[in-house]
Amino acid sequence: MKRVDERDTMSARAQYKKGSEDYADYYSRNPEKKAIDDSIRQRPNLCSEGTNTYNPLNSPMASCAFEFLEDIRHLSEGKVNPEKVQGNKNIITKRIKGLARKYGAKLVGITELKDYHFYTHRGRLEDFCSLCKNCAFTCPSESISNEPEKESNGHLNWIIEQETCYIRWRQYGTDCGICISSCPFSQQMESIKAVDTFKDNEAVIATVLGEFRKKYGTRPFVPGNPDWLR
């Protein structure tokens, strides 16, 4: 599978500053992205005044987490040690599982990463997604394609236009998440739990979509702040 260049992600591109070496290097190689990126950087930042969801008390609580990561960034930078150190897999596994449980995970599993673990609905959910497309229809910025699948990063998937998606984030002042909440697989549909496969099974797909729309309509809607901020 083709590796993802994280310099191309919107979270990275939004941080390039005019006059910096990173800015000059990136847009010398990607001049077609310069105009829209410069436009995005003129907008209020996430969690900032001028966005739809800004709150003088709550917004800094979120932004300080990102500021902390920036403060400790230097700890992860530098030259890669040419000498590889063989870690104890059992100890590493135990510590990762312990950390996950500390933060609330009820079930933790670790396995060696294979190519088929990388996201693609291909061979698993293409029949369901091709009939549902709820994420595409509910996306407020129309960033998710509802057209036939296209090749992306070596796989056939529906394409997400990350620039228009991120522009909506900057408008809201936070991540959107409507695509996730509108996906039946994020809402623990009872009709999904007993299904082994959706391939060539339009009747079962219709049952799942029927349950979802009866319960949520187009998508779930939760007004106001999340529980932890109320």
C-alpha atoms as a PDB file:
ATOM      1  CA  MET A   1       0.000   0.000   0.000  1.00  0.00           C
ATOM      2  CA  LYS A   2       1.222   3.496  -0.845  1.00  0.00           C
ATOM      3  CA  ARG A   3       2.382   5.354   2.254  1.00  0.00           C
ATOM      4  CA  VAL A   4       0.522   8.510   3.219  1.00  0.00           C
ATOM      5  CA  ASP A   5       2.627  11.672   3.222  1.00  0.00           C
ATOM      6  CA  GLU A   6       1.395  13.471   6.332  1.00  0.00           C
ATOM      7  CA  ARG A   7       2.667  16.770   4.948  1.00  0.00           C
ATOM      8  CA  ASP A   8      -0.345  16.626   2.598  1.00  0.00           C
ATOM      9  CA  THR A   9      -2.944  16.482   5.373  1.00  0.00           C
ATOM     10  CA  MET A  10      -4.929  19.634   6.110  1.00  0.00           C
ATOM     11  CA  SER A  11      -3.781  19.712   9.733  1.00  0.00           C
ATOM     12  CA  ALA A  12      -0.185  19.977   8.480  1.00  0.00           C
ATOM     13  CA  ARG A  13      -0.879  22.328   5.574  1.00  0.00           C
ATOM     14  CA  ALA A  14      -2.797  24.738   7.792  1.00  0.00           C
ATOM     15  CA  GLN A  15       0.312  25.260   9.943  1.00  0.00           C
ATOM     16  CA  TYR A  16       2.745  26.275   7.187  1.00  0.00           C
ATOM     17  CA  LYS A  17       3.724  29.925   7.711  1.00  0.00           C
ATOM     18  CA  LYS A  18       4.690  32.288   4.924  1.00  0.00           C
ATOM     19  CA  GLY A  19       8.424  32.905   4.881  1.00  0.00           C
ATOM     20  CA  SER A  20       9.280  29.606   6.562  1.00  0.00           C
ATOM     21  CA  GLU A  21      11.384  26.869   4.972  1.00  0.00           C
ATOM     22  CA  ASP A  22       8.486  24.390   5.287  1.00  0.00           C
ATOM     23  CA  TYR A  23       6.159  26.773   3.442  1.00  0.00           C
ATOM     24  CA  ALA A  24       8.606  27.391   0.597  1.00  0.00           C
ATOM     25  CA  ASP A  25       9.465  23.709   0.264  1.00  0.00           C
ATOM     26  CA  TYR A  26       5.889  22.425   0.311  1.00  0.00           C
ATOM     27  CA  TYR A  27       4.400  24.874  -2.186  1.00  0.00           C
ATOM     28  CA  SER A  28       7.356  24.611  -4.530  1.00  0.00           C
ATOM     29  CA  ARG A  29       6.337  20.976  -4.865  1.00  0.00           C
ATOM     30  CA  ASN A  30       2.558  21.553  -4.652  1.00  0.00           C
ATOM     31  CA  PRO A  31       1.854  24.972  -6.209  1.00  0.00           C
ATOM     32  CA  GLU A  32      -1.757  24.003  -7.032  1.00  0.00           C
ATOM     33  CA  LYS A  33      -2.585  23.893  -3.301  1.00  0.00           C
ATOM     34  CA  LYS A  34      -1.106  27.269  -2.367  1.00  0.00           C
ATOM     35  CA  ALA A  35      -4.080  29.532  -3.148  1.00  0.00           C
ATOM     36  CA  ILE A  36      -6.702  27.563  -1.244  1.00  0.00           C
ATOM     37  CA  ASP A  37      -4.359  26.941   1.695  1.00  0.00           C
ATOM     38  CA  ASP A  38      -3.533  30.660   1.961  1.00  0.00           C
ATOM     39  CA  SER A  39      -7.265  31.354   1.948  1.00  0.00           C
ATOM     40  CA  ILE A  40      -7.915  28.813   4.717  1.00  0.00           C
ATOM     41  CA  ARG A  41      -5.192  30.308   6.919  1.00  0.00           C
ATOM     42  CA  GLN A  42      -6.995  33.664   6.797  1.00  0.00           C
ATOM     43  CA  ARG A  43      -9.996  32.146   8.618  1.00  0.00           C
ATOM     44  CA  PRO A  44     -10.371  31.978  12.415  1.00  0.00           C
ATOM     45  CA  ASN A  45      -8.558  28.965  13.794  1.00  0.00           C
ATOM     46  CA  LEU A  46     -10.214  26.032  15.529  1.00  0.00           C
ATOM     47  CA  CYS A  47     -11.517  26.946  19.013  1.00  0.00           C
ATOM     48  CA  SER A  48     -10.975  30.644  18.247  1.00  0.00           C
ATOM     49  CA  GLU A  49     -13.161  33.746  18.447  1.00  0.00           C
ATOM     50  CA  GLY A  50     -15.117  34.298  15.256  1.00  0.00           C
ATOM     51  CA  THR A  51     -16.128  30.664  14.859  1.00  0.00           C
ATOM     52  CA  ASN A  52     -19.702  29.430  15.284  1.00  0.00           C
ATOM     53  CA  THR A  53     -19.060  27.410  18.436  1.00  0.00           C
ATOM     54  CA  TYR A  54     -16.628  29.670  20.275  1.00  0.00           C
ATOM     55  CA  ASN A  55     -17.139  29.811  24.018  1.00  0.00           C
ATOM     56  CA  PRO A  56     -14.750  31.851  26.207  1.00  0.00           C
ATOM     57  CA  LEU A  57     -14.708  29.133  28.869  1.00  0.00           C
ATOM     58  CA  ASN A  58     -14.999  25.865  26.955  1.00  0.00           C
ATOM     59  CA  SER A  59     -12.976  26.579  23.799  1.00  0.00           C
ATOM     60  CA  PRO A  60      -9.620  27.143  25.570  1.00  0.00           C
ATOM     61  CA  MET A  61     -10.053  23.762  27.269  1.00  0.00           C
ATOM     62  CA  ALA A  62      -9.795  22.107  23.862  1.00  0.00           C
ATOM     63  CA  SER A  63      -7.147  24.368  22.347  1.00  0.00           C
ATOM     64  CA  CYS A  64      -4.768  23.943  25.303  1.00  0.00           C
ATOM     65  CA  ALA A  65      -4.481  20.229  24.511  1.00  0.00           C
ATOM     66  CA  PHE A  66      -3.120  21.054  21.047  1.00  0.00           C
ATOM     67  CA  GLU A  67      -0.844  23.735  22.490  1.00  0.00           C
ATOM     68  CA  PHE A  68       0.594  21.169  24.913  1.00  0.00           C
ATOM     69  CA  LEU A  69       1.385  18.811  22.036  1.00  0.00           C
ATOM     70  CA  GLU A  70       3.143  21.652  20.235  1.00  0.00           C
ATOM     71  CA  ASP A  71       5.157  22.416  23.385  1.00  0.00           C
ATOM     72  CA  ILE A  72       6.502  18.851  23.565  1.00  0.00           C
ATOM     73  CA  ARG A  73       6.954  18.423  19.829  1.00  0.00           C
ATOM     74  CA  HIS A  74      10.712  18.916  20.090  1.00  0.00           C
ATOM     75  CA  LEU A  75      10.941  15.746  22.166  1.00  0.00           C
ATOM     76  CA  SER A  76       9.974  13.641  19.138  1.00  0.00           C
ATOM     77  CA  GLU A  77      12.099  15.445  16.561  1.00  0.00           C
ATOM     78  CA  GLY A  78      15.696  14.963  15.528  1.00  0.00           C
ATOM     79  CA  LYS A  79      17.776  12.476  13.606  1.00  0.00           C
ATOM     80  CA  VAL A  80      16.664   8.869  13.581  1.00  0.00           C
ATOM     81  CA  ASN A  81      18.973   6.630  15.583  1.00  0.00           C
ATOM     82  CA  PRO A  82      20.677   4.341  13.025  1.00  0.00           C
ATOM     83  CA  GLU A  83      20.969   1.638  15.680  1.00  0.00           C
ATOM     84  CA  LYS A  84      17.754  -0.307  16.055  1.00  0.00           C
ATOM     85  CA  VAL A  85      16.757  -1.440  19.522  1.00  0.00           C
ATOM     86  CA  GLN A  86      14.823  -4.666  19.849  1.00  0.00           C
ATOM     87  CA  GLY A  87      12.087  -4.128  22.403  1.00  0.00           C
ATOM     88  CA  ASN A  88      10.349  -6.798  24.421  1.00  0.00           C
ATOM     89  CA  LYS A  89       7.024  -7.287  22.619  1.00  0.00           C
ATOM     90  CA  ASN A  90       5.327  -8.728  25.679  1.00  0.00           C
ATOM     91  CA  ILE A  91       6.232  -5.739  27.862  1.00  0.00           C
ATOM     92  CA  ILE A  92       5.251  -3.224  25.166  1.00  0.00           C
ATOM     93  CA  THR A  93       1.933  -5.004  24.599  1.00  0.00           C
ATOM     94  CA  LYS A  94       1.175  -5.072  28.319  1.00  0.00           C
ATOM     95  CA  ARG A  95       1.879  -1.356  28.700  1.00  0.00           C
ATOM     96  CA  ILE A  96      -0.210  -0.345  25.691  1.00  0.00           C
ATOM     97  CA  LYS A  97      -3.153  -2.424  26.893  1.00  0.00           C
ATOM     98  CA  GLY A  98      -2.813  -0.991  30.380  1.00  0.00           C
ATOM     99  CA  LEU A  99      -2.824   2.569  29.041  1.00  0.00           C
ATOM    100  CA  ALA A 100      -5.892   1.884  26.883  1.00  0.00           C
ATOM    101  CA  ARG A 101      -7.782   0.451  29.865  1.00  0.00           C
ATOM    102  CA  LYS A 102      -6.766   3.410  32.007  1.00  0.00           C
ATOM    103  CA  TYR A 103      -8.523   5.688  29.535  1.00  0.00           C
ATOM    104  CA  GLY A 104     -11.684   3.620  29.523  1.00  0.00           C
ATOM    105  CA  ALA A 105     -11.292   0.870  26.938  1.00  0.00           C
ATOM    106  CA  LYS A 106     -13.279  -2.239  27.882  1.00  0.00           C
ATOM    107  CA  LEU A 107     -11.724  -4.592  25.328  1.00  0.00           C
ATOM    108  CA  VAL A 108      -8.193  -4.249  23.968  1.00  0.00           C
ATOM    109  CA  GLY A 109      -6.507  -6.323  21.285  1.00  0.00           C
ATOM    110  CA  ILE A 110      -3.147  -5.948  19.535  1.00  0.00           C
ATOM    111  CA  THR A 111      -2.018  -7.628  16.346  1.00  0.00           C
ATOM    112  CA  GLU A 112       0.638  -7.225  13.684  1.00  0.00           C
ATOM    113  CA  LEU A 113      -0.412  -4.610  11.116  1.00  0.00           C
ATOM    114  CA  LYS A 114      -1.252  -6.112   7.718  1.00  0.00           C
ATOM    115  CA  ASP A 115      -2.191  -4.467   4.421  1.00  0.00           C
ATOM    116  CA  TYR A 116      -5.835  -5.473   4.827  1.00  0.00           C
ATOM    117  CA  HIS A 117      -6.067  -3.501   8.083  1.00  0.00           C
ATOM    118  CA  PHE A 118      -5.778  -0.219   6.186  1.00  0.00           C
ATOM    119  CA  TYR A 119      -9.164   1.342   5.617  1.00  0.00           C
ATOM    120  CA  THR A 120     -11.106   0.286   2.595  1.00  0.00           C
ATOM    121  CA  HIS A 121     -14.685  -0.869   2.419  1.00  0.00           C
ATOM    122  CA  ARG A 122     -13.650  -3.046  -0.537  1.00  0.00           C
ATOM    123  CA  GLY A 123     -14.607  -6.688  -0.091  1.00  0.00           C
ATOM    124  CA  ARG A 124     -16.461  -5.900   3.140  1.00  0.00           C
ATOM    125  CA  LEU A 125     -18.924  -3.038   2.899  1.00  0.00           C
ATOM    126  CA  GLU A 126     -19.029  -1.850  -0.711  1.00  0.00           C
ATOM    127  CA  ASP A 127     -22.547  -3.250  -1.216  1.00  0.00           C
ATOM    128  CA  PHE A 128     -23.782  -1.504   1.927  1.00  0.00           C
ATOM    129  CA  CYS A 129     -22.032   1.812   1.256  1.00  0.00           C
ATOM    130  CA  SER A 130     -23.137   1.953  -2.378  1.00  0.00           C
ATOM    131  CA  LEU A 131     -26.781   1.815  -1.263  1.00  0.00           C
ATOM    132  CA  CYS A 132     -26.502   3.910   1.910  1.00  0.00           C
ATOM    133  CA  LYS A 133     -24.266   6.911   1.118  1.00  0.00           C
ATOM    134  CA  ASN A 134     -25.752   8.612   4.161  1.00  0.00           C
ATOM    135  CA  CYS A 135     -22.445  10.307   4.946  1.00  0.00           C
ATOM    136  CA  ALA A 136     -22.342  11.891   1.480  1.00  0.00           C
ATOM    137  CA  PHE A 137     -25.933  13.076   1.607  1.00  0.00           C
ATOM    138  CA  THR A 138     -25.610  14.656   5.068  1.00  0.00           C
ATOM    139  CA  CYS A 139     -22.166  16.263   4.676  1.00  0.00           C
ATOM    140  CA  PRO A 140     -22.777  20.023   5.101  1.00  0.00           C
ATOM    141  CA  SER A 141     -19.887  20.929   2.817  1.00  0.00           C
ATOM    142  CA  GLU A 142     -20.654  18.230   0.227  1.00  0.00           C
ATOM    143  CA  SER A 143     -17.066  17.047   0.600  1.00  0.00           C
ATOM    144  CA  ILE A 144     -17.854  13.318   0.327  1.00  0.00           C
ATOM    145  CA  SER A 145     -18.443  12.057  -3.172  1.00  0.00           C
ATOM    146  CA  ASN A 146     -21.654  10.116  -3.866  1.00  0.00           C
ATOM    147  CA  GLU A 147     -20.444   9.242  -7.338  1.00  0.00           C
ATOM    148  CA  PRO A 148     -19.057   5.819  -8.301  1.00  0.00           C
ATOM    149  CA  GLU A 149     -15.880   4.752  -6.566  1.00  0.00           C
ATOM    150  CA  LYS A 150     -12.533   6.226  -7.591  1.00  0.00           C
ATOM    151  CA  GLU A 151      -9.000   5.078  -6.938  1.00  0.00           C
ATOM    152  CA  SER A 152      -7.455   6.683  -3.884  1.00  0.00           C
ATOM    153  CA  ASN A 153      -4.150   5.627  -2.356  1.00  0.00           C
ATOM    154  CA  GLY A 154      -4.188   2.341  -4.221  1.00  0.00           C
ATOM    155  CA  HIS A 155      -7.773   1.419  -3.294  1.00  0.00           C
ATOM    156  CA  LEU A 156     -11.212   2.057  -4.723  1.00  0.00           C
ATOM    157  CA  ASN A 157     -13.100   4.304  -2.343  1.00  0.00           C
ATOM    158  CA  TRP A 158     -15.428   7.251  -2.322  1.00  0.00           C
ATOM    159  CA  ILE A 159     -13.338  10.395  -2.286  1.00  0.00           C
ATOM    160  CA  ILE A 160     -13.332  13.014   0.481  1.00  0.00           C
ATOM    161  CA  GLU A 161     -12.321  16.522  -0.575  1.00  0.00           C
ATOM    162  CA  GLN A 162     -10.324  17.478   2.470  1.00  0.00           C
ATOM    163  CA  GLU A 163     -10.044  21.188   1.644  1.00  0.00           C
ATOM    164  CA  THR A 164     -13.793  21.888   1.687  1.00  0.00           C
ATOM    165  CA  CYS A 165     -14.194  19.627   4.725  1.00  0.00           C
ATOM    166  CA  TYR A 166     -11.554  21.536   6.683  1.00  0.00           C
ATOM    167  CA  ILE A 167     -12.983  24.912   5.661  1.00  0.00           C
ATOM    168  CA  ARG A 168     -16.211  23.871   7.387  1.00  0.00           C
ATOM    169  CA  TRP A 169     -14.212  22.880  10.474  1.00  0.00           C
ATOM    170  CA  ARG A 170     -12.700  26.365  10.572  1.00  0.00           C
ATOM    171  CA  GLN A 171     -16.175  27.858  10.255  1.00  0.00           C
ATOM    172  CA  TYR A 172     -17.561  25.750  13.089  1.00  0.00           C
ATOM    173  CA  GLY A 173     -14.438  26.134  15.217  1.00  0.00           C
ATOM    174  CA  THR A 174     -14.294  22.406  15.851  1.00  0.00           C
ATOM    175  CA  ASP A 175     -14.396  19.132  13.990  1.00  0.00           C
ATOM    176  CA  CYS A 176     -17.720  18.403  12.317  1.00  0.00           C
ATOM    177  CA  GLY A 177     -18.318  14.646  12.722  1.00  0.00           C
ATOM    178  CA  ILE A 178     -21.672  14.584  10.928  1.00  0.00           C
ATOM    179  CA  CYS A 179     -20.406  11.901   8.550  1.00  0.00           C
ATOM    180  CA  ILE A 180     -19.534   9.654  11.487  1.00  0.00           C
ATOM    181  CA  SER A 181     -22.784  10.191  13.369  1.00  0.00           C
ATOM    182  CA  SER A 182     -24.814   9.571  10.208  1.00  0.00           C
ATOM    183  CA  CYS A 183     -23.158   6.191   9.587  1.00  0.00           C
ATOM    184  CA  PRO A 184     -25.358   3.292  10.777  1.00  0.00           C
ATOM    185  CA  PHE A 185     -22.231   1.457  11.954  1.00  0.00           C
ATOM    186  CA  SER A 186     -21.543   4.194  14.519  1.00  0.00           C
ATOM    187  CA  GLN A 187     -24.950   3.860  16.165  1.00  0.00           C
ATOM    188  CA  GLN A 188     -24.966   0.170  17.186  1.00  0.00           C
ATOM    189  CA  MET A 189     -27.992  -0.824  15.128  1.00  0.00           C
ATOM    190  CA  GLU A 190     -29.519  -4.043  16.449  1.00  0.00           C
ATOM    191  CA  SER A 191     -30.097  -5.275  12.903  1.00  0.00           C
ATOM    192  CA  ILE A 192     -26.349  -5.095  12.214  1.00  0.00           C
ATOM    193  CA  LYS A 193     -25.236  -7.247  15.126  1.00  0.00           C
ATOM    194  CA  ALA A 194     -26.499 -10.546  13.701  1.00  0.00           C
ATOM    195  CA  VAL A 195     -25.264  -9.980  10.131  1.00  0.00           C
ATOM    196  CA  ASP A 196     -22.288 -11.983   8.840  1.00  0.00           C
ATOM    197  CA  THR A 197     -22.007 -10.234   5.470  1.00  0.00           C
ATOM    198  CA  PHE A 198     -23.773  -7.551   3.468  1.00  0.00           C
ATOM    199  CA  LYS A 199     -22.458  -8.781   0.139  1.00  0.00           C
ATOM    200  CA  ASP A 200     -25.299  -9.403  -2.345  1.00  0.00           C
ATOM    201  CA  ASN A 201     -27.766  -8.931   0.496  1.00  0.00           C
ATOM    202  CA  GLU A 202     -29.921  -5.916  -0.354  1.00  0.00           C
ATOM    203  CA  ALA A 203     -32.794  -7.056   1.857  1.00  0.00           C
ATOM    204  CA  VAL A 204     -30.623  -6.987   4.983  1.00  0.00           C
ATOM    205  CA  ILE A 205     -29.139  -3.627   3.997  1.00  0.00           C
ATOM    206  CA  ALA A 206     -32.656  -2.226   3.597  1.00  0.00           C
ATOM    207  CA  THR A 207     -33.547  -3.523   7.075  1.00  0.00           C
ATOM    208  CA  VAL A 208     -30.549  -1.777   8.650  1.00  0.00           C
ATOM    209  CA  LEU A 209     -31.209   1.491   6.854  1.00  0.00           C
ATOM    210  CA  GLY A 210     -34.884   1.269   7.807  1.00  0.00           C
ATOM    211  CA  GLU A 211     -34.004   0.837  11.495  1.00  0.00           C
ATOM    212  CA  PHE A 212     -31.565   3.743  11.350  1.00  0.00           C
ATOM    213  CA  ARG A 213     -34.008   6.146   9.694  1.00  0.00           C
ATOM    214  CA  LYS A 214     -36.871   5.158  11.958  1.00  0.00           C
ATOM    215  CA  LYS A 215     -34.715   5.859  14.998  1.00  0.00           C
ATOM    216  CA  TYR A 216     -32.762   8.921  13.833  1.00  0.00           C
ATOM    217  CA  GLY A 217     -34.298  10.228  10.629  1.00  0.00           C
ATOM    218  CA  THR A 218     -31.571  11.555   8.373  1.00  0.00           C
ATOM    219  CA  ARG A 219     -28.999  11.584  11.172  1.00  0.00           C
ATOM    220  CA  PRO A 220     -28.780  11.812  14.991  1.00  0.00           C
ATOM    221  CA  PHE A 221     -28.915  15.324  16.397  1.00  0.00           C
ATOM    222  CA  VAL A 222     -27.714  16.291  19.866  1.00  0.00           C
ATOM    223  CA  PRO A 223     -28.258  19.994  20.640  1.00  0.00           C
ATOM    224  CA  GLY A 224     -25.922  21.928  22.900  1.00  0.00           C
ATOM    225  CA  ASN A 225     -22.615  20.927  24.452  1.00  0.00           C
ATOM    226  CA  PRO A 226     -21.552  17.324  25.147  1.00  0.00           C
ATOM    227  CA  ASP A 227     -22.353  15.868  28.566  1.00  0.00           C
ATOM    228  CA  TRP A 228     -18.878  16.566  29.989  1.00  0.00           C
ATOM    229  CA  LEU A 229     -19.320  20.293  29.362  1.00  0.00           C
ATOM    230  CA  ARG A 230     -22.888  20.630  30.649  1.00  0.00           C
END
